[in-house]
Amino acid sequence: MRHNKAGRRLGRTTSHRIAMFRNMVTSFLSHEKITTTDAKAKELRSIAEKMVTLGKKGDLHAMRQAASYIRDKKVVTKLFTSIAPRFKDRAGGYTRIIKLGIRPGDNAPLSVIELVEEQLETKAPKKSASKKTAPVGQKTAPKPEVVPQVEEVTASQEVEAKALEPML
């Protein structure tokens, strides 16, 4: 049983895996889109989303935490100045994984992981009062009937309709 053992090992030692993901997160935030295998993309997603969340906090402590994981100071600056403000209204889900197919050399399944670009549309909150509960003793007003309006057909439209009947 694998209790409390989260994450994929990917056939690497711990130090190799940590170094690989640090490099991948740095490249991902630098280019905002990278191509890698499915398993690596799924593991990278959680790390990258944590970095964007640190960027949304924006304080000195969060910047130092991000800098301790990300390899390049320019990428840390980019994270806090341009990437994180784009997601200020979004509560998670900053990345998207798109499956590409298989790699010809070793049949490894490939994916593109990228930052989500479109703006999140917030839904209007639902009203708590339901229409079914009307106070006792009050009758609801009947809804007016909607009468469809009939368009008048001109003589030229009748001729066109009769000309098209044999084609149908």
N, C-alpha and C. Protein backbone atom coordinates (compact mmCIF):
# COMPACT_ATOMS: atom_id res chain seq x y z
N MET A 1 0.83 -1.19 0.00
CA MET A 1 0.00 0.00 0.00
C MET A 1 0.87 1.25 0.00
N ARG A 2 0.39 2.28 -0.73
CA ARG A 2 1.19 3.50 -0.90
C ARG A 2 0.61 4.64 -0.07
N HIS A 3 0.37 4.45 1.18
CA HIS A 3 -0.18 5.52 2.00
C HIS A 3 0.83 6.64 2.16
N ASN A 4 0.38 7.88 2.01
CA ASN A 4 1.20 9.09 2.17
C ASN A 4 2.42 9.12 1.25
N LYS A 5 2.27 8.57 0.06
CA LYS A 5 3.34 8.60 -0.92
C LYS A 5 2.82 9.21 -2.21
N ALA A 6 2.71 10.52 -2.23
CA ALA A 6 2.16 11.22 -3.39
C ALA A 6 3.24 11.48 -4.42
N GLY A 7 2.86 11.59 -5.66
CA GLY A 7 3.79 11.95 -6.73
C GLY A 7 4.36 10.74 -7.44
N ARG A 8 4.82 11.00 -8.66
CA ARG A 8 5.42 9.95 -9.47
C ARG A 8 6.93 9.98 -9.31
N ARG A 9 7.57 8.84 -9.36
CA ARG A 9 9.02 8.80 -9.20
C ARG A 9 9.73 8.97 -10.54
N LEU A 10 9.08 8.62 -11.63
CA LEU A 10 9.57 8.83 -12.99
C LEU A 10 10.93 8.17 -13.26
N GLY A 11 11.27 7.13 -12.51
CA GLY A 11 12.50 6.40 -12.74
C GLY A 11 13.76 7.19 -12.46
N ARG A 12 13.69 8.13 -11.54
CA ARG A 12 14.83 8.98 -11.22
C ARG A 12 15.07 8.98 -9.72
N THR A 13 16.29 9.34 -9.35
CA THR A 13 16.55 9.50 -7.92
C THR A 13 15.89 10.79 -7.44
N THR A 14 15.78 10.94 -6.14
CA THR A 14 15.10 12.11 -5.58
C THR A 14 15.78 13.41 -5.98
N SER A 15 17.09 13.45 -5.89
CA SER A 15 17.80 14.68 -6.22
C SER A 15 17.67 15.02 -7.71
N HIS A 16 17.71 14.00 -8.57
CA HIS A 16 17.54 14.23 -10.01
C HIS A 16 16.13 14.75 -10.30
N ARG A 17 15.14 14.14 -9.66
CA ARG A 17 13.75 14.54 -9.88
C ARG A 17 13.50 15.98 -9.43
N ILE A 18 14.02 16.36 -8.27
CA ILE A 18 13.84 17.73 -7.76
C ILE A 18 14.52 18.73 -8.69
N ALA A 19 15.75 18.42 -9.12
CA ALA A 19 16.47 19.31 -10.03
C ALA A 19 15.75 19.44 -11.36
N MET A 20 15.20 18.31 -11.86
CA MET A 20 14.49 18.34 -13.13
C MET A 20 13.26 19.23 -13.04
N PHE A 21 12.49 19.11 -11.96
CA PHE A 21 11.27 19.92 -11.84
C PHE A 21 11.59 21.39 -11.59
N ARG A 22 12.69 21.69 -10.90
CA ARG A 22 13.09 23.08 -10.73
C ARG A 22 13.42 23.70 -12.10
N ASN A 23 14.13 22.94 -12.93
CA ASN A 23 14.46 23.43 -14.27
C ASN A 23 13.20 23.55 -15.13
N MET A 24 12.29 22.58 -15.01
CA MET A 24 11.07 22.61 -15.82
C MET A 24 10.17 23.78 -15.43
N VAL A 25 10.05 24.07 -14.14
CA VAL A 25 9.22 25.19 -13.70
C VAL A 25 9.83 26.51 -14.18
N THR A 26 11.14 26.61 -14.12
CA THR A 26 11.80 27.82 -14.59
C THR A 26 11.56 28.01 -16.09
N SER A 27 11.69 26.96 -16.88
CA SER A 27 11.45 27.05 -18.32
C SER A 27 9.98 27.33 -18.61
N PHE A 28 9.10 26.68 -17.86
CA PHE A 28 7.66 26.85 -18.08
C PHE A 28 7.24 28.29 -17.82
N LEU A 29 7.68 28.87 -16.72
CA LEU A 29 7.28 30.24 -16.42
C LEU A 29 7.99 31.24 -17.34
N SER A 30 9.16 30.89 -17.84
CA SER A 30 9.86 31.76 -18.76
C SER A 30 9.16 31.80 -20.12
N HIS A 31 8.80 30.62 -20.64
CA HIS A 31 8.20 30.53 -21.98
C HIS A 31 6.67 30.47 -21.95
N GLU A 32 6.09 30.19 -20.80
CA GLU A 32 4.64 30.08 -20.57
C GLU A 32 4.01 28.90 -21.31
N LYS A 33 4.83 28.02 -21.88
CA LYS A 33 4.32 26.87 -22.60
C LYS A 33 5.49 25.94 -22.91
N ILE A 34 5.41 24.67 -22.53
CA ILE A 34 6.45 23.71 -22.88
C ILE A 34 5.83 22.38 -23.28
N THR A 35 6.58 21.60 -24.03
CA THR A 35 6.16 20.27 -24.45
C THR A 35 6.97 19.25 -23.68
N THR A 36 6.28 18.29 -23.07
CA THR A 36 6.93 17.26 -22.28
C THR A 36 6.04 16.02 -22.26
N THR A 37 6.43 15.00 -21.53
CA THR A 37 5.60 13.79 -21.46
C THR A 37 4.40 14.04 -20.55
N ASP A 38 3.39 13.19 -20.68
CA ASP A 38 2.16 13.34 -19.88
C ASP A 38 2.44 13.30 -18.39
N ALA A 39 3.22 12.32 -17.95
CA ALA A 39 3.48 12.16 -16.51
C ALA A 39 4.22 13.36 -15.94
N LYS A 40 5.22 13.86 -16.68
CA LYS A 40 5.96 15.03 -16.20
C LYS A 40 5.06 16.27 -16.19
N ALA A 41 4.20 16.41 -17.18
CA ALA A 41 3.30 17.57 -17.24
C ALA A 41 2.33 17.56 -16.06
N LYS A 42 1.83 16.38 -15.72
CA LYS A 42 0.89 16.30 -14.60
C LYS A 42 1.55 16.62 -13.27
N GLU A 43 2.80 16.23 -13.11
CA GLU A 43 3.53 16.58 -11.89
C GLU A 43 3.92 18.06 -11.88
N LEU A 44 4.29 18.57 -13.04
CA LEU A 44 4.70 19.98 -13.15
C LEU A 44 3.54 20.92 -12.86
N ARG A 45 2.32 20.49 -13.21
CA ARG A 45 1.15 21.34 -13.01
C ARG A 45 1.00 21.77 -11.56
N SER A 46 1.15 20.85 -10.62
CA SER A 46 0.95 21.21 -9.21
C SER A 46 2.03 22.17 -8.73
N ILE A 47 3.27 21.97 -9.18
CA ILE A 47 4.35 22.87 -8.76
C ILE A 47 4.16 24.26 -9.36
N ALA A 48 3.80 24.31 -10.64
CA ALA A 48 3.63 25.60 -11.31
C ALA A 48 2.46 26.38 -10.70
N GLU A 49 1.39 25.69 -10.35
CA GLU A 49 0.24 26.39 -9.76
C GLU A 49 0.59 26.93 -8.38
N LYS A 50 1.44 26.22 -7.63
CA LYS A 50 1.88 26.75 -6.35
C LYS A 50 2.73 28.00 -6.54
N MET A 51 3.55 28.03 -7.59
CA MET A 51 4.37 29.21 -7.85
C MET A 51 3.50 30.41 -8.24
N VAL A 52 2.45 30.18 -9.04
CA VAL A 52 1.55 31.28 -9.41
C VAL A 52 0.80 31.78 -8.18
N THR A 53 0.42 30.88 -7.29
CA THR A 53 -0.24 31.28 -6.05
C THR A 53 0.69 32.13 -5.20
N LEU A 54 1.96 31.77 -5.13
CA LEU A 54 2.93 32.61 -4.42
C LEU A 54 3.03 33.98 -5.09
N GLY A 55 3.00 34.00 -6.42
CA GLY A 55 3.06 35.26 -7.13
C GLY A 55 1.85 36.14 -6.86
N LYS A 56 0.69 35.51 -6.66
CA LYS A 56 -0.52 36.28 -6.35
C LYS A 56 -0.45 36.90 -4.97
N LYS A 57 0.25 36.24 -4.03
CA LYS A 57 0.40 36.83 -2.70
C LYS A 57 1.18 38.12 -2.79
N GLY A 58 2.29 38.09 -3.50
CA GLY A 58 3.02 39.30 -3.83
C GLY A 58 3.88 39.90 -2.74
N ASP A 59 3.96 39.31 -1.55
CA ASP A 59 4.78 39.92 -0.50
C ASP A 59 6.22 39.40 -0.58
N LEU A 60 7.07 39.94 0.25
CA LEU A 60 8.49 39.61 0.22
C LEU A 60 8.73 38.14 0.57
N HIS A 61 7.99 37.63 1.53
CA HIS A 61 8.17 36.24 1.93
C HIS A 61 7.82 35.29 0.78
N ALA A 62 6.73 35.59 0.07
CA ALA A 62 6.34 34.76 -1.07
C ALA A 62 7.38 34.85 -2.18
N MET A 63 7.94 36.04 -2.38
CA MET A 63 8.96 36.20 -3.42
C MET A 63 10.21 35.38 -3.07
N ARG A 64 10.58 35.36 -1.82
CA ARG A 64 11.75 34.58 -1.41
C ARG A 64 11.48 33.08 -1.50
N GLN A 65 10.25 32.66 -1.20
CA GLN A 65 9.91 31.25 -1.34
C GLN A 65 9.98 30.82 -2.80
N ALA A 66 9.45 31.66 -3.69
CA ALA A 66 9.50 31.34 -5.13
C ALA A 66 10.94 31.33 -5.63
N ALA A 67 11.75 32.28 -5.16
CA ALA A 67 13.14 32.37 -5.60
C ALA A 67 13.96 31.18 -5.10
N SER A 68 13.54 30.56 -4.01
CA SER A 68 14.27 29.40 -3.52
C SER A 68 14.02 28.17 -4.39
N TYR A 69 12.96 28.18 -5.21
CA TYR A 69 12.66 27.04 -6.08
C TYR A 69 13.00 27.33 -7.53
N ILE A 70 12.68 28.55 -8.00
CA ILE A 70 12.91 28.92 -9.39
C ILE A 70 14.38 29.30 -9.55
N ARG A 71 14.99 28.86 -10.65
CA ARG A 71 16.43 29.00 -10.85
C ARG A 71 16.88 30.38 -11.32
N ASP A 72 16.00 31.17 -11.94
CA ASP A 72 16.41 32.42 -12.57
C ASP A 72 15.70 33.60 -11.92
N LYS A 73 16.45 34.63 -11.55
CA LYS A 73 15.85 35.80 -10.90
C LYS A 73 14.93 36.57 -11.84
N LYS A 74 15.26 36.57 -13.13
CA LYS A 74 14.40 37.25 -14.11
C LYS A 74 13.04 36.57 -14.21
N VAL A 75 13.02 35.27 -14.09
CA VAL A 75 11.75 34.52 -14.15
C VAL A 75 10.92 34.81 -12.90
N VAL A 76 11.57 34.94 -11.75
CA VAL A 76 10.85 35.29 -10.52
C VAL A 76 10.22 36.67 -10.67
N THR A 77 10.97 37.61 -11.23
CA THR A 77 10.44 38.95 -11.46
C THR A 77 9.28 38.91 -12.44
N LYS A 78 9.40 38.11 -13.50
CA LYS A 78 8.31 37.98 -14.47
C LYS A 78 7.07 37.37 -13.82
N LEU A 79 7.28 36.39 -12.96
CA LEU A 79 6.15 35.75 -12.26
C LEU A 79 5.38 36.77 -11.43
N PHE A 80 6.09 37.61 -10.68
CA PHE A 80 5.42 38.53 -9.76
C PHE A 80 4.90 39.78 -10.46
N THR A 81 5.48 40.18 -11.61
CA THR A 81 5.05 41.41 -12.26
C THR A 81 4.08 41.21 -13.40
N SER A 82 4.21 40.13 -14.17
CA SER A 82 3.33 39.98 -15.33
C SER A 82 2.43 38.75 -15.29
N ILE A 83 2.90 37.63 -14.77
CA ILE A 83 2.08 36.41 -14.80
C ILE A 83 1.01 36.42 -13.71
N ALA A 84 1.41 36.67 -12.47
CA ALA A 84 0.45 36.60 -11.35
C ALA A 84 -0.68 37.63 -11.46
N PRO A 85 -0.44 38.88 -11.89
CA PRO A 85 -1.57 39.82 -12.00
C PRO A 85 -2.65 39.38 -13.00
N ARG A 86 -2.27 38.56 -13.99
CA ARG A 86 -3.28 38.07 -14.94
C ARG A 86 -4.30 37.17 -14.27
N PHE A 87 -3.89 36.50 -13.19
CA PHE A 87 -4.75 35.52 -12.54
C PHE A 87 -5.29 36.01 -11.20
N LYS A 88 -5.34 37.31 -10.99
CA LYS A 88 -5.75 37.82 -9.68
C LYS A 88 -7.19 37.46 -9.33
N ASP A 89 -8.07 37.31 -10.33
CA ASP A 89 -9.47 36.98 -10.06
C ASP A 89 -9.74 35.48 -10.15
N ARG A 90 -8.77 34.70 -10.56
CA ARG A 90 -8.96 33.25 -10.73
C ARG A 90 -8.52 32.53 -9.47
N ALA A 91 -9.33 31.60 -9.02
CA ALA A 91 -9.03 30.86 -7.79
C ALA A 91 -8.50 29.48 -8.13
N GLY A 92 -7.40 29.40 -8.85
CA GLY A 92 -6.80 28.13 -9.20
C GLY A 92 -7.05 27.79 -10.65
N GLY A 93 -6.43 26.72 -11.11
CA GLY A 93 -6.60 26.30 -12.50
C GLY A 93 -5.89 27.23 -13.46
N TYR A 94 -4.62 27.49 -13.20
CA TYR A 94 -3.86 28.44 -14.02
C TYR A 94 -3.22 27.78 -15.23
N THR A 95 -3.18 26.45 -15.26
CA THR A 95 -2.51 25.75 -16.34
C THR A 95 -3.48 24.84 -17.08
N ARG A 96 -3.08 24.49 -18.29
CA ARG A 96 -3.87 23.59 -19.14
C ARG A 96 -2.92 22.57 -19.74
N ILE A 97 -3.33 21.31 -19.75
CA ILE A 97 -2.53 20.25 -20.37
C ILE A 97 -3.28 19.75 -21.59
N ILE A 98 -2.62 19.79 -22.75
CA ILE A 98 -3.21 19.32 -24.00
C ILE A 98 -2.37 18.15 -24.50
N LYS A 99 -3.00 17.01 -24.70
CA LYS A 99 -2.28 15.81 -25.15
C LYS A 99 -2.02 15.91 -26.65
N LEU A 100 -0.79 15.60 -27.05
CA LEU A 100 -0.38 15.73 -28.44
C LEU A 100 -0.35 14.41 -29.20
N GLY A 101 -0.13 13.32 -28.53
CA GLY A 101 0.03 12.04 -29.20
C GLY A 101 1.27 11.35 -28.66
N ILE A 102 1.91 10.54 -29.51
CA ILE A 102 3.08 9.81 -29.06
C ILE A 102 4.33 10.32 -29.75
N ARG A 103 5.46 10.20 -29.08
CA ARG A 103 6.75 10.60 -29.63
C ARG A 103 7.25 9.46 -30.50
N PRO A 104 7.70 9.75 -31.71
CA PRO A 104 8.10 8.67 -32.63
C PRO A 104 9.27 7.83 -32.14
N GLY A 105 10.19 8.39 -31.41
CA GLY A 105 11.38 7.65 -31.02
C GLY A 105 11.13 6.56 -30.02
N ASP A 106 10.35 6.86 -28.95
CA ASP A 106 10.18 5.88 -27.88
C ASP A 106 8.72 5.64 -27.49
N ASN A 107 7.80 6.12 -28.29
CA ASN A 107 6.35 5.96 -28.05
C ASN A 107 5.91 6.57 -26.72
N ALA A 108 6.59 7.58 -26.24
CA ALA A 108 6.18 8.24 -25.00
C ALA A 108 5.02 9.19 -25.32
N PRO A 109 3.97 9.20 -24.51
CA PRO A 109 2.86 10.12 -24.76
C PRO A 109 3.27 11.56 -24.43
N LEU A 110 3.10 12.47 -25.40
CA LEU A 110 3.52 13.85 -25.24
C LEU A 110 2.34 14.76 -24.94
N SER A 111 2.63 15.85 -24.22
CA SER A 111 1.62 16.85 -23.89
C SER A 111 2.25 18.22 -23.94
N VAL A 112 1.40 19.22 -24.14
CA VAL A 112 1.80 20.62 -24.01
C VAL A 112 1.16 21.13 -22.73
N ILE A 113 1.95 21.74 -21.87
CA ILE A 113 1.40 22.39 -20.68
C ILE A 113 1.59 23.88 -20.90
N GLU A 114 0.51 24.65 -20.69
CA GLU A 114 0.56 26.08 -20.94
C GLU A 114 -0.27 26.83 -19.92
N LEU A 115 0.01 28.10 -19.79
CA LEU A 115 -0.79 28.95 -18.91
C LEU A 115 -2.11 29.27 -19.60
N VAL A 116 -3.18 29.31 -18.84
CA VAL A 116 -4.50 29.63 -19.38
C VAL A 116 -4.53 31.12 -19.69
N GLU A 117 -5.03 31.48 -20.86
CA GLU A 117 -5.00 32.88 -21.29
C GLU A 117 -6.34 33.60 -21.14
N GLU A 118 -7.46 32.91 -21.38
CA GLU A 118 -8.74 33.61 -21.37
C GLU A 118 -9.12 34.06 -19.97
N GLN A 119 -9.91 35.11 -19.91
CA GLN A 119 -10.35 35.66 -18.64
C GLN A 119 -11.47 34.80 -18.08
N LEU A 120 -11.48 34.65 -16.78
CA LEU A 120 -12.50 33.88 -16.10
C LEU A 120 -13.76 34.73 -15.96
N GLU A 121 -14.89 34.21 -16.44
CA GLU A 121 -16.14 34.94 -16.30
C GLU A 121 -16.84 34.46 -15.04
N THR A 122 -17.09 35.38 -14.13
CA THR A 122 -17.74 35.01 -12.88
C THR A 122 -19.24 34.97 -13.10
N LYS A 123 -19.87 33.97 -12.54
CA LYS A 123 -21.31 33.81 -12.66
C LYS A 123 -22.00 34.64 -11.60
N ALA A 124 -23.20 35.10 -11.91
CA ALA A 124 -23.97 35.85 -10.94
C ALA A 124 -24.44 34.91 -9.83
N PRO A 125 -24.43 35.36 -8.59
CA PRO A 125 -24.88 34.48 -7.51
C PRO A 125 -26.36 34.16 -7.65
N LYS A 126 -26.72 32.94 -7.27
CA LYS A 126 -28.12 32.52 -7.37
C LYS A 126 -28.94 33.18 -6.28
N LYS A 127 -30.17 33.49 -6.62
CA LYS A 127 -31.07 34.08 -5.64
C LYS A 127 -31.58 32.99 -4.71
N SER A 128 -31.66 33.32 -3.42
CA SER A 128 -32.05 32.30 -2.44
C SER A 128 -33.56 32.09 -2.41
N ALA A 129 -34.33 33.09 -2.73
CA ALA A 129 -35.79 32.95 -2.69
C ALA A 129 -36.25 32.20 -3.92
N SER A 130 -37.09 31.19 -3.72
CA SER A 130 -37.60 30.43 -4.85
C SER A 130 -38.99 30.90 -5.20
N LYS A 131 -39.39 30.66 -6.44
CA LYS A 131 -40.68 31.13 -6.92
C LYS A 131 -41.83 30.27 -6.38
N LYS A 132 -41.54 29.07 -5.96
CA LYS A 132 -42.60 28.15 -5.54
C LYS A 132 -43.22 28.56 -4.20
N THR A 133 -42.50 29.24 -3.38
CA THR A 133 -43.02 29.59 -2.06
C THR A 133 -43.64 30.97 -2.10
N ALA A 134 -44.95 31.01 -2.24
CA ALA A 134 -45.69 32.26 -2.20
C ALA A 134 -46.39 32.34 -0.84
N PRO A 135 -46.49 33.53 -0.29
CA PRO A 135 -47.18 33.65 1.00
C PRO A 135 -48.62 33.16 0.92
N VAL A 136 -49.11 32.60 2.01
CA VAL A 136 -50.46 32.05 2.05
C VAL A 136 -51.46 33.19 1.95
N GLY A 137 -52.47 33.01 1.11
CA GLY A 137 -53.51 34.01 0.97
C GLY A 137 -53.26 34.95 -0.20
N GLN A 138 -52.09 34.95 -0.77
CA GLN A 138 -51.81 35.81 -1.92
C GLN A 138 -51.82 34.97 -3.18
N LYS A 139 -52.45 35.50 -4.19
CA LYS A 139 -52.47 34.82 -5.47
C LYS A 139 -51.48 35.52 -6.39
N THR A 140 -50.84 34.72 -7.18
CA THR A 140 -49.89 35.31 -8.13
C THR A 140 -50.65 35.78 -9.36
N ALA A 141 -50.19 36.84 -9.95
CA ALA A 141 -50.84 37.39 -11.14
C ALA A 141 -50.59 36.47 -12.32
N PRO A 142 -51.62 36.26 -13.15
CA PRO A 142 -51.42 35.39 -14.31
C PRO A 142 -50.48 36.07 -15.32
N LYS A 143 -49.71 35.26 -15.99
CA LYS A 143 -48.79 35.78 -16.99
C LYS A 143 -49.57 36.13 -18.26
N PRO A 144 -49.24 37.24 -18.88
CA PRO A 144 -49.94 37.59 -20.13
C PRO A 144 -49.53 36.62 -21.24
N GLU A 145 -50.50 36.31 -22.10
CA GLU A 145 -50.23 35.39 -23.20
C GLU A 145 -49.47 36.12 -24.29
N VAL A 146 -48.54 35.43 -24.87
CA VAL A 146 -47.76 35.99 -25.96
C VAL A 146 -48.38 35.54 -27.26
N VAL A 147 -48.80 36.51 -28.07
CA VAL A 147 -49.43 36.21 -29.34
C VAL A 147 -48.40 36.42 -30.44
N PRO A 148 -48.09 35.37 -31.21
CA PRO A 148 -47.12 35.55 -32.28
C PRO A 148 -47.68 36.44 -33.38
N GLN A 149 -46.84 37.30 -33.91
CA GLN A 149 -47.26 38.19 -34.97
C GLN A 149 -47.02 37.51 -36.31
N VAL A 150 -48.02 37.59 -37.16
CA VAL A 150 -47.95 36.96 -38.46
C VAL A 150 -47.51 38.01 -39.47
N GLU A 151 -46.52 37.66 -40.26
CA GLU A 151 -46.05 38.58 -41.28
C GLU A 151 -46.93 38.44 -42.51
N GLU A 152 -47.15 39.55 -43.17
CA GLU A 152 -47.93 39.50 -44.40
C GLU A 152 -47.02 39.06 -45.54
N VAL A 153 -47.54 38.16 -46.35
CA VAL A 153 -46.78 37.62 -47.47
C VAL A 153 -47.12 38.43 -48.70
N THR A 154 -46.10 38.94 -49.37
CA THR A 154 -46.33 39.73 -50.58
C THR A 154 -46.48 38.82 -51.77
N ALA A 155 -46.94 39.37 -52.85
CA ALA A 155 -47.19 38.59 -54.06
C ALA A 155 -45.88 38.04 -54.63
N SER A 156 -44.81 38.81 -54.55
CA SER A 156 -43.53 38.35 -55.11
C SER A 156 -42.98 37.17 -54.30
N GLN A 157 -43.23 37.15 -52.98
CA GLN A 157 -42.78 36.04 -52.16
C GLN A 157 -43.56 34.77 -52.48
N GLU A 158 -44.86 34.91 -52.83
CA GLU A 158 -45.66 33.75 -53.21
C GLU A 158 -45.15 33.14 -54.50
N VAL A 159 -44.78 34.00 -55.47
CA VAL A 159 -44.28 33.52 -56.76
C VAL A 159 -42.95 32.78 -56.54
N GLU A 160 -42.09 33.31 -55.69
CA GLU A 160 -40.82 32.65 -55.43
C GLU A 160 -41.04 31.29 -54.75
N ALA A 161 -41.98 31.22 -53.82
CA ALA A 161 -42.25 29.97 -53.13
C ALA A 161 -42.79 28.91 -54.09
N LYS A 162 -43.68 29.32 -55.03
CA LYS A 162 -44.22 28.36 -55.99
C LYS A 162 -43.16 27.91 -56.97
N ALA A 163 -42.20 28.79 -57.30
CA ALA A 163 -41.13 28.42 -58.21
C ALA A 163 -40.17 27.41 -57.57
N LEU A 164 -40.01 27.48 -56.26
CA LEU A 164 -39.08 26.59 -55.57
C LEU A 164 -39.69 25.23 -55.20
N GLU A 165 -41.05 25.10 -55.27
CA GLU A 165 -41.71 23.85 -54.87
C GLU A 165 -41.26 22.65 -55.69
N PRO A 166 -41.13 22.73 -57.04
CA PRO A 166 -40.69 21.54 -57.79
C PRO A 166 -39.27 21.10 -57.42
N MET A 167 -38.42 22.04 -56.95
CA MET A 167 -37.04 21.69 -56.60
C MET A 167 -37.00 20.89 -55.28
N LEU A 168 -37.93 21.11 -54.43
CA LEU A 168 -37.95 20.42 -53.14
C LEU A 168 -38.49 19.06 -53.37
